[in-house]
Protein backbone atom coordinates (compact mmCIF):
# COMPACT_ATOMS: atom_id res chain seq x y z
CA MET A 1 -46.26 113.59 -1.34
CA HIS A 2 -47.66 112.60 -4.37
CA GLN A 3 -45.39 110.78 -6.56
CA PRO A 4 -45.82 111.11 -10.14
CA SER A 5 -47.44 108.61 -12.38
CA VAL A 6 -45.41 106.27 -13.89
CA ILE A 7 -45.34 103.87 -17.31
CA VAL A 8 -42.94 101.81 -18.43
CA VAL A 9 -42.78 100.30 -21.30
CA GLY A 10 -40.31 96.87 -21.02
CA GLY A 11 -40.80 94.16 -18.86
CA GLY A 12 -37.46 92.29 -19.32
CA ALA A 13 -34.50 93.32 -16.82
CA MET A 14 -34.49 96.14 -16.80
CA GLY A 15 -38.13 97.64 -17.15
CA SER A 16 -39.00 95.02 -13.90
CA SER A 17 -35.72 96.57 -12.03
CA VAL A 18 -37.36 100.48 -12.53
CA ALA A 19 -40.78 98.84 -12.14
CA CYS A 20 -40.04 97.30 -8.74
CA GLU A 21 -37.49 100.22 -7.43
CA LEU A 22 -40.52 102.76 -8.39
CA ALA A 23 -43.33 101.07 -6.87
CA ARG A 24 -41.12 100.54 -3.64
CA ARG A 25 -40.63 104.72 -3.19
CA GLY A 26 -44.28 104.49 -3.79
CA HIS A 27 -45.05 105.82 -7.84
CA PRO A 28 -48.39 104.52 -9.18
CA VAL A 29 -46.90 102.00 -11.38
CA THR A 30 -47.80 100.73 -15.13
CA VAL A 31 -45.68 98.45 -16.86
CA LEU A 32 -46.61 97.40 -20.10
CA GLU A 33 -45.08 94.32 -22.09
CA GLN A 34 -45.08 92.90 -25.81
CA HIS A 35 -44.16 89.48 -24.76
CA GLY A 36 -44.98 87.13 -21.24
CA MET A 37 -43.74 87.65 -17.73
CA LEU A 38 -40.42 85.56 -18.80
CA HIS A 39 -39.66 85.04 -22.30
CA ALA A 40 -36.55 84.33 -25.17
CA HIS A 41 -37.58 87.08 -27.03
CA GLY A 42 -34.93 89.11 -25.89
CA SER A 43 -31.82 88.96 -23.61
CA SER A 44 -33.14 89.31 -20.53
CA HIS A 45 -33.74 85.23 -19.97
CA GLY A 46 -32.21 81.95 -19.16
CA SER A 47 -30.55 80.31 -15.52
CA SER A 48 -26.56 82.35 -15.85
CA ARG A 49 -25.07 86.11 -16.48
CA ILE A 50 -21.93 86.85 -15.49
CA VAL A 51 -21.15 89.83 -12.36
CA ARG A 52 -18.30 91.00 -12.59
CA LEU A 53 -15.92 93.94 -11.42
CA VAL A 54 -13.20 94.08 -14.04
CA TYR A 55 -13.49 96.31 -17.16
CA ASP A 56 -10.20 98.49 -19.07
CA ASP A 57 -12.65 101.41 -17.99
CA PRO A 58 -12.22 102.48 -13.96
CA PHE A 59 -16.01 104.10 -15.16
CA TYR A 60 -17.17 100.96 -14.99
CA VAL A 61 -15.33 99.22 -12.24
CA ARG A 62 -16.80 101.99 -10.33
CA LEU A 63 -20.29 101.36 -11.26
CA ALA A 64 -19.93 97.48 -11.54
CA VAL A 65 -18.82 98.69 -7.75
CA ALA A 66 -21.65 99.52 -6.36
CA ALA A 67 -24.03 97.20 -7.74
CA ARG A 68 -22.33 94.42 -6.92
CA PRO A 69 -23.79 94.37 -3.27
CA LEU A 70 -27.23 94.90 -4.61
CA TRP A 71 -26.71 91.83 -5.94
CA ASP A 72 -25.71 90.49 -1.87
CA GLU A 73 -29.37 92.13 -0.97
CA LEU A 74 -31.59 90.68 -3.76
CA GLN A 75 -30.09 87.34 -2.58
CA GLU A 76 -30.46 87.47 0.91
CA GLN A 77 -34.29 88.89 0.01
CA SER A 78 -34.57 85.75 -1.93
CA ASP A 79 -35.42 81.65 -1.54
CA VAL A 80 -33.67 80.22 -4.84
CA GLU A 81 -30.44 81.94 -5.79
CA VAL A 82 -30.45 84.84 -7.52
CA PHE A 83 -26.72 85.45 -7.11
CA ARG A 84 -23.85 82.79 -6.17
CA ARG A 85 -19.97 84.35 -5.90
CA THR A 86 -17.50 82.46 -7.50
CA GLY A 87 -14.96 83.97 -7.88
CA GLY A 88 -13.52 85.10 -11.76
CA VAL A 89 -10.72 85.06 -14.34
CA ASP A 90 -9.28 86.70 -17.04
CA HIS A 91 -6.34 84.63 -19.03
CA GLY A 92 -4.29 85.34 -21.95
CA PRO A 93 -1.10 87.30 -22.92
CA ARG A 94 -0.42 89.22 -20.26
CA GLU A 95 -0.48 93.05 -22.42
CA LEU A 96 -4.02 92.08 -23.36
CA LEU A 97 -4.84 92.00 -19.33
CA GLU A 98 -2.10 94.79 -17.87
CA PRO A 99 -5.12 97.47 -18.83
CA PHE A 100 -7.85 94.89 -16.39
CA ALA A 101 -5.51 95.89 -13.91
CA ALA A 102 -4.69 99.31 -13.95
CA ALA A 103 -8.34 99.83 -13.94
CA LEU A 104 -9.16 98.11 -11.28
CA ASP A 105 -5.79 99.42 -9.55
CA GLU A 106 -7.36 102.92 -9.71
CA ALA A 107 -10.43 102.18 -9.10
CA GLY A 108 -8.75 100.48 -5.35
CA VAL A 109 -10.79 97.18 -6.24
CA ALA A 110 -8.87 93.92 -5.42
CA PHE A 111 -7.20 91.06 -7.38
CA GLU A 112 -4.00 88.95 -7.94
CA TRP A 113 -1.51 87.43 -10.49
CA LEU A 114 -1.76 83.99 -10.97
CA THR A 115 0.69 81.73 -13.26
CA ALA A 116 -0.91 79.18 -15.33
CA GLY A 117 0.03 76.75 -12.88
CA GLU A 118 -1.28 78.25 -9.91
CA ALA A 119 -4.69 79.05 -11.13
CA SER A 120 -4.87 74.89 -13.14
CA LEU A 121 -4.66 73.92 -9.39
CA ARG A 122 -7.61 76.07 -8.69
CA TRP A 123 -9.95 75.01 -11.32
CA PRO A 124 -9.02 72.26 -13.15
CA GLY A 125 -11.81 72.61 -15.85
CA LEU A 126 -9.76 75.08 -17.36
CA ARG A 127 -6.75 75.30 -19.10
CA PHE A 128 -4.22 77.81 -19.12
CA ASP A 129 -1.16 78.82 -20.69
CA GLN A 130 -0.31 82.26 -19.72
CA THR A 131 -1.19 84.81 -17.46
CA VAL A 132 -4.46 84.75 -15.16
CA LEU A 133 -5.77 87.30 -13.39
CA PHE A 134 -7.91 86.71 -10.32
CA GLN A 135 -11.00 89.05 -9.10
CA PRO A 136 -12.42 87.53 -6.34
CA ASP A 137 -16.04 89.37 -6.13
CA ALA A 138 -17.37 87.96 -9.23
CA GLY A 139 -20.27 85.73 -9.33
CA VAL A 140 -23.60 84.18 -11.14
CA ALA A 141 -27.00 85.72 -11.45
CA HIS A 142 -29.56 83.65 -12.70
CA PRO A 143 -31.51 85.86 -14.66
CA ASP A 144 -35.10 84.26 -14.98
CA HIS A 145 -35.19 84.30 -10.87
CA THR A 146 -34.00 87.79 -11.01
CA LEU A 147 -36.90 88.52 -13.04
CA THR A 148 -39.45 86.71 -11.27
CA MET A 149 -38.33 88.66 -7.95
CA LEU A 150 -38.42 91.66 -9.15
CA GLN A 151 -41.57 91.80 -10.83
CA ARG A 152 -43.69 90.21 -7.67
CA ASP A 153 -41.87 92.89 -5.85
CA ALA A 154 -43.03 95.61 -7.32
CA ILE A 155 -47.13 93.96 -8.37
CA ALA A 156 -46.41 93.76 -4.37
CA HIS A 157 -46.19 97.13 -4.29
CA GLY A 158 -49.05 98.31 -6.31
CA ALA A 159 -47.78 97.70 -10.18
CA ALA A 160 -49.94 96.62 -12.69
CA TRP A 161 -48.73 94.28 -15.16
CA HIS A 162 -49.80 93.71 -18.71
CA PRO A 163 -48.00 91.22 -20.83
CA HIS A 164 -48.95 91.08 -24.22
CA THR A 165 -50.00 94.27 -24.84
CA ARG A 166 -46.79 96.37 -27.69
CA VAL A 167 -46.83 99.49 -27.39
CA ASP A 168 -47.56 101.36 -30.83
CA ALA A 169 -46.32 104.78 -29.84
CA ILE A 170 -45.39 107.55 -26.97
CA ASP A 171 -47.06 111.25 -27.23
CA GLU A 172 -45.81 113.83 -24.68
CA THR A 173 -49.17 115.69 -23.53
CA THR A 174 -49.35 119.08 -21.99
CA ASP A 175 -50.18 117.54 -18.61
CA GLY A 176 -48.87 114.21 -19.04
CA VAL A 177 -48.25 111.72 -21.24
CA ARG A 178 -50.30 109.14 -24.05
CA VAL A 179 -49.37 105.30 -25.27
CA THR A 180 -50.85 103.66 -27.50
CA VAL A 181 -51.99 100.51 -27.60
CA GLY A 182 -53.76 99.51 -30.93
CA GLU A 183 -56.91 101.70 -30.30
CA ARG A 184 -55.76 101.42 -25.96
CA THR A 185 -54.49 104.47 -24.41
CA PHE A 186 -52.63 104.67 -20.97
CA SER A 187 -51.51 107.51 -19.55
CA ALA A 188 -49.65 108.76 -16.81
CA ASP A 189 -47.40 111.34 -15.42
CA GLN A 190 -44.29 110.08 -17.06
CA VAL A 191 -42.90 107.25 -19.24
CA VAL A 192 -39.95 105.51 -19.03
CA LEU A 193 -39.14 103.16 -22.15
CA THR A 194 -36.94 99.71 -21.35
CA ALA A 195 -37.98 98.01 -24.71
CA GLY A 196 -34.28 96.63 -25.34
CA ILE A 197 -33.96 96.61 -28.88
CA TRP A 198 -37.00 97.18 -29.46
CA SER A 199 -36.48 100.89 -27.90
CA HIS A 200 -34.96 102.33 -30.60
CA ARG A 201 -38.76 102.37 -32.45
CA LEU A 202 -40.11 104.65 -29.63
CA ALA A 203 -37.97 107.01 -29.27
CA ASP A 204 -35.95 109.62 -30.95
CA LEU A 205 -32.66 107.12 -30.49
CA PRO A 206 -30.34 106.56 -32.87
CA SER A 207 -31.33 103.15 -34.62
CA ASP A 208 -30.33 99.58 -33.70
CA THR A 209 -29.23 96.69 -35.23
CA ALA A 210 -30.63 92.57 -33.89
CA THR A 211 -27.71 90.51 -33.64
CA GLN A 212 -28.29 86.98 -32.51
CA VAL A 213 -25.85 85.11 -30.50
CA GLN A 214 -25.83 81.62 -29.02
CA PRO A 215 -23.88 80.23 -26.49
CA ALA A 216 -23.86 77.11 -25.41
CA HIS A 217 -24.20 74.33 -22.53
CA PHE A 218 -22.15 72.25 -21.62
CA MET A 219 -21.85 69.31 -18.87
CA PRO A 220 -19.22 69.28 -15.97
CA VAL A 221 -17.31 65.96 -16.35
CA ASP A 222 -16.57 65.83 -12.78
CA PRO A 223 -19.79 67.45 -10.81
CA ALA A 224 -17.52 68.62 -7.91
CA THR A 225 -14.74 70.63 -9.81
CA PRO A 226 -14.86 74.09 -9.44
CA TRP A 227 -15.67 76.76 -11.75
CA PRO A 228 -15.03 80.65 -12.11
CA THR A 229 -16.73 83.13 -14.08
CA PHE A 230 -13.49 83.25 -16.96
CA ILE A 231 -12.73 85.68 -19.69
CA HIS A 232 -10.84 84.18 -22.68
CA ARG A 233 -8.87 86.98 -23.62
CA ARG A 234 -6.25 85.86 -27.26
CA ALA A 235 -4.66 86.96 -29.23
CA ASP A 236 -3.44 85.73 -33.02
CA GLU A 237 0.32 84.44 -34.13
CA ARG A 238 0.55 87.80 -34.86
CA GLY A 239 -0.38 89.11 -31.78
CA ASP A 240 -3.50 90.32 -32.43
CA PRO A 241 -6.68 90.63 -30.26
CA MET A 242 -9.29 87.32 -31.32
CA PRO A 243 -12.83 87.62 -30.22
CA GLU A 244 -13.25 87.17 -26.63
CA ALA A 245 -14.28 83.80 -24.93
CA TYR A 246 -16.60 83.58 -22.02
CA GLY A 247 -18.03 81.09 -19.40
CA LEU A 248 -19.44 80.64 -16.40
CA PRO A 249 -21.43 78.16 -14.37
CA SER A 250 -25.35 77.68 -14.59
CA PRO A 251 -27.40 75.09 -13.14
CA ASP A 252 -27.80 74.01 -16.68
CA GLY A 253 -23.73 73.01 -16.82
CA ILE A 254 -21.16 75.47 -18.11
CA LYS A 255 -22.07 77.94 -19.72
CA VAL A 256 -19.54 79.17 -22.96
CA GLY A 257 -19.80 81.45 -25.43
CA PHE A 258 -17.82 84.01 -27.68
CA HIS A 259 -18.32 88.27 -27.49
CA GLY A 260 -19.08 89.65 -30.99
CA GLY A 261 -20.26 88.02 -33.93
CA GLY A 262 -23.17 86.34 -34.97
CA LYS A 263 -26.13 86.96 -37.54
CA ILE A 264 -28.76 89.55 -37.77
CA VAL A 265 -31.81 89.11 -37.66
CA ASP A 266 -35.48 90.94 -36.86
CA PRO A 267 -36.47 90.88 -33.38
CA ASP A 268 -40.20 90.50 -34.00
CA ASP A 269 -39.14 87.40 -37.31
CA ARG A 270 -36.61 84.90 -36.33
CA ASP A 271 -36.49 81.61 -36.38
CA PHE A 272 -34.04 80.98 -33.14
CA ALA A 273 -32.29 78.58 -35.36
CA VAL A 274 -28.71 77.92 -34.80
CA VAL A 275 -25.96 78.54 -37.19
CA ALA A 276 -23.89 75.86 -37.64
CA ASP A 277 -20.52 77.29 -37.89
CA GLU A 278 -20.49 78.59 -34.91
CA VAL A 279 -21.31 75.34 -32.86
CA ALA A 280 -18.55 73.59 -34.59
CA ASP A 281 -16.89 76.67 -33.11
CA LEU A 282 -17.65 75.93 -29.22
CA ARG A 283 -16.75 72.60 -29.27
CA THR A 284 -13.46 73.14 -30.81
CA TYR A 285 -12.89 75.98 -28.80
CA VAL A 286 -13.91 73.58 -25.60
CA GLY A 287 -12.41 71.03 -26.71
CA GLN A 288 -9.11 72.96 -26.35
CA TRP A 289 -9.78 74.87 -23.61
CA VAL A 290 -12.39 73.47 -21.46
CA PRO A 291 -11.14 69.85 -20.70
CA GLY A 292 -13.34 69.98 -17.24
CA VAL A 293 -16.74 69.38 -19.67
CA ASP A 294 -18.06 66.97 -22.06
CA ALA A 295 -17.59 68.47 -25.22
CA ALA A 296 -19.79 65.91 -27.18
CA THR A 297 -23.04 67.44 -24.61
CA LEU A 298 -22.75 70.83 -26.26
CA ASP A 299 -26.80 71.96 -25.98
CA SER A 300 -27.11 75.38 -27.72
CA GLY A 301 -29.53 77.94 -27.15
CA THR A 302 -30.27 81.99 -28.47
CA CYS A 303 -30.32 85.39 -27.38
CA LEU A 304 -30.33 88.98 -29.00
CA HIS A 305 -27.79 91.17 -28.41
CA GLY A 306 -28.04 95.32 -29.72
CA GLY A 307 -25.81 97.64 -31.06
CA LEU A 308 -27.28 101.13 -29.99
CA ALA A 309 -24.89 101.08 -27.39
CA GLU A 310 -22.17 98.51 -27.14
CA ASP A 311 -19.49 100.20 -25.08
CA ASP A 312 -21.64 103.03 -23.14
CA PHE A 313 -25.33 102.52 -22.12
CA ILE A 314 -28.84 105.20 -22.49
CA ILE A 315 -29.67 106.53 -19.09
CA ASP A 316 -31.24 109.77 -19.95
CA ARG A 317 -33.95 112.10 -19.39
CA THR A 318 -36.08 114.24 -21.65
CA GLY A 319 -39.38 116.18 -20.15
CA ARG A 320 -41.62 113.45 -19.35
CA LEU A 321 -39.60 110.38 -20.77
CA THR A 322 -36.60 108.28 -19.60
CA VAL A 323 -34.48 106.04 -21.68
CA ALA A 324 -32.85 102.95 -20.50
CA ALA A 325 -31.61 101.18 -23.14
CA GLY A 326 -28.36 99.53 -25.21
CA PHE A 327 -27.76 97.30 -22.59
CA SER A 328 -27.37 93.77 -24.06
CA GLY A 329 -23.73 92.15 -24.05
CA HIS A 330 -22.55 94.02 -20.56
CA GLY A 331 -25.43 95.44 -18.82
CA PHE A 332 -26.90 92.21 -16.87
CA LYS A 333 -24.41 92.71 -14.47
CA PHE A 334 -26.23 96.50 -13.33
CA VAL A 335 -29.63 95.32 -12.99
CA PRO A 336 -30.34 96.20 -9.30
CA LEU A 337 -28.10 99.55 -10.06
CA VAL A 338 -30.40 101.33 -13.35
CA GLY A 339 -33.66 100.85 -11.23
CA ARG A 340 -32.34 103.00 -9.14
CA MET A 341 -30.57 105.19 -11.27
CA VAL A 342 -33.36 105.58 -13.24
CA ALA A 343 -35.93 106.06 -10.36
CA ASP A 344 -34.08 109.35 -10.08
CA LEU A 345 -34.21 110.59 -12.47
CA VAL A 346 -38.45 110.33 -12.52
CA ALA A 347 -38.00 112.21 -9.28
CA GLY A 348 -35.48 114.21 -10.86
CA THR A 349 -32.99 114.17 -8.06
CA ALA A 350 -30.25 113.42 -10.17
CA GLU A 351 -28.67 114.44 -13.54
CA PRO A 352 -27.88 111.94 -16.39
CA GLN A 353 -23.84 110.61 -16.38
CA HIS A 354 -23.32 112.62 -19.53
CA ARG A 355 -21.57 108.75 -21.27
CA PHE A 356 -24.92 107.89 -21.07
CA THR A 357 -26.83 110.71 -22.50
CA VAL A 358 -28.69 110.65 -26.16
CA SER A 359 -26.36 113.43 -27.59
CA ALA A 360 -23.35 111.91 -25.66
CA HIS A 361 -24.42 108.58 -28.92
CA ARG A 362 -25.52 110.91 -31.62
CA THR A 363 -21.65 111.98 -31.38
CA THR A 364 -20.19 108.79 -31.69
CA ILE A 365 -22.36 107.72 -34.62
């Protein structure tokens, strides 16, 4: 049976996963990417992302459960490290952790409560002062290796990749779609938009804002120290929640950052300069809570987050256009699953989850 041809606009993590899955299913696939095959201009680069099951929403716990074995499959197919299981801890006041435990319980996911002392014995590189929730299936994905593998597999199955090809417009025609790139046009039966922070410029989506965040890597004091992924759910002296700190082991050291904050930037014109105060805050935090690293070895980088779908993603199809956007912040752990979800929408064998529709997002803004 003839499979519809598909143009994928955006070759980052989600676009690479979509292109790979579509090509494997026999679709003629063309990928148009405004930057190079691997690049640091968006949200899909680097050596580490947390893959975890812990959410305070059973819907996302179940989604993460569906995605988790797909990482094992990718690793089995790879000769370099794409995913490594480390286990993950969330620590802080018990009352902040209870909603996550309840969601795990509802989804039937195993976890373990630990005291600060018990956790310190397992992971001496971290300091714990209150309650610890441990989930053993968490781990670390390697973005650059993941994208390289997905892109190679997509091309091996016939996908055509066009780097440095910036899309100006997407138009539906009577018998397909037309994608305009300068004075050139590409035509196909359908188009998938996976352009990250740039997606709202090419489709009728809620507006988006690019925020530059800057996690940093620190060198461990003892290379033999075991490290889980970790999220520190903090409260101030009055008990009010503070920005979460997170961390994970990576080939470049121990990566630590804060969720939220950052400076608003133009994704097409930014200098990648770090904010000195944020660097100082990271160094102070690490000095207090991550004794297993040398705070003086801070090596900061930058990444883009978008606000289009801070909580729920957009994975929706209207006519010949399928959009997968709004992932930066917590989407990378779903990369292999999103490829399959989008391919099912393209094939017409699945309906969008209501929470992931464009209309659902319009009612919340």
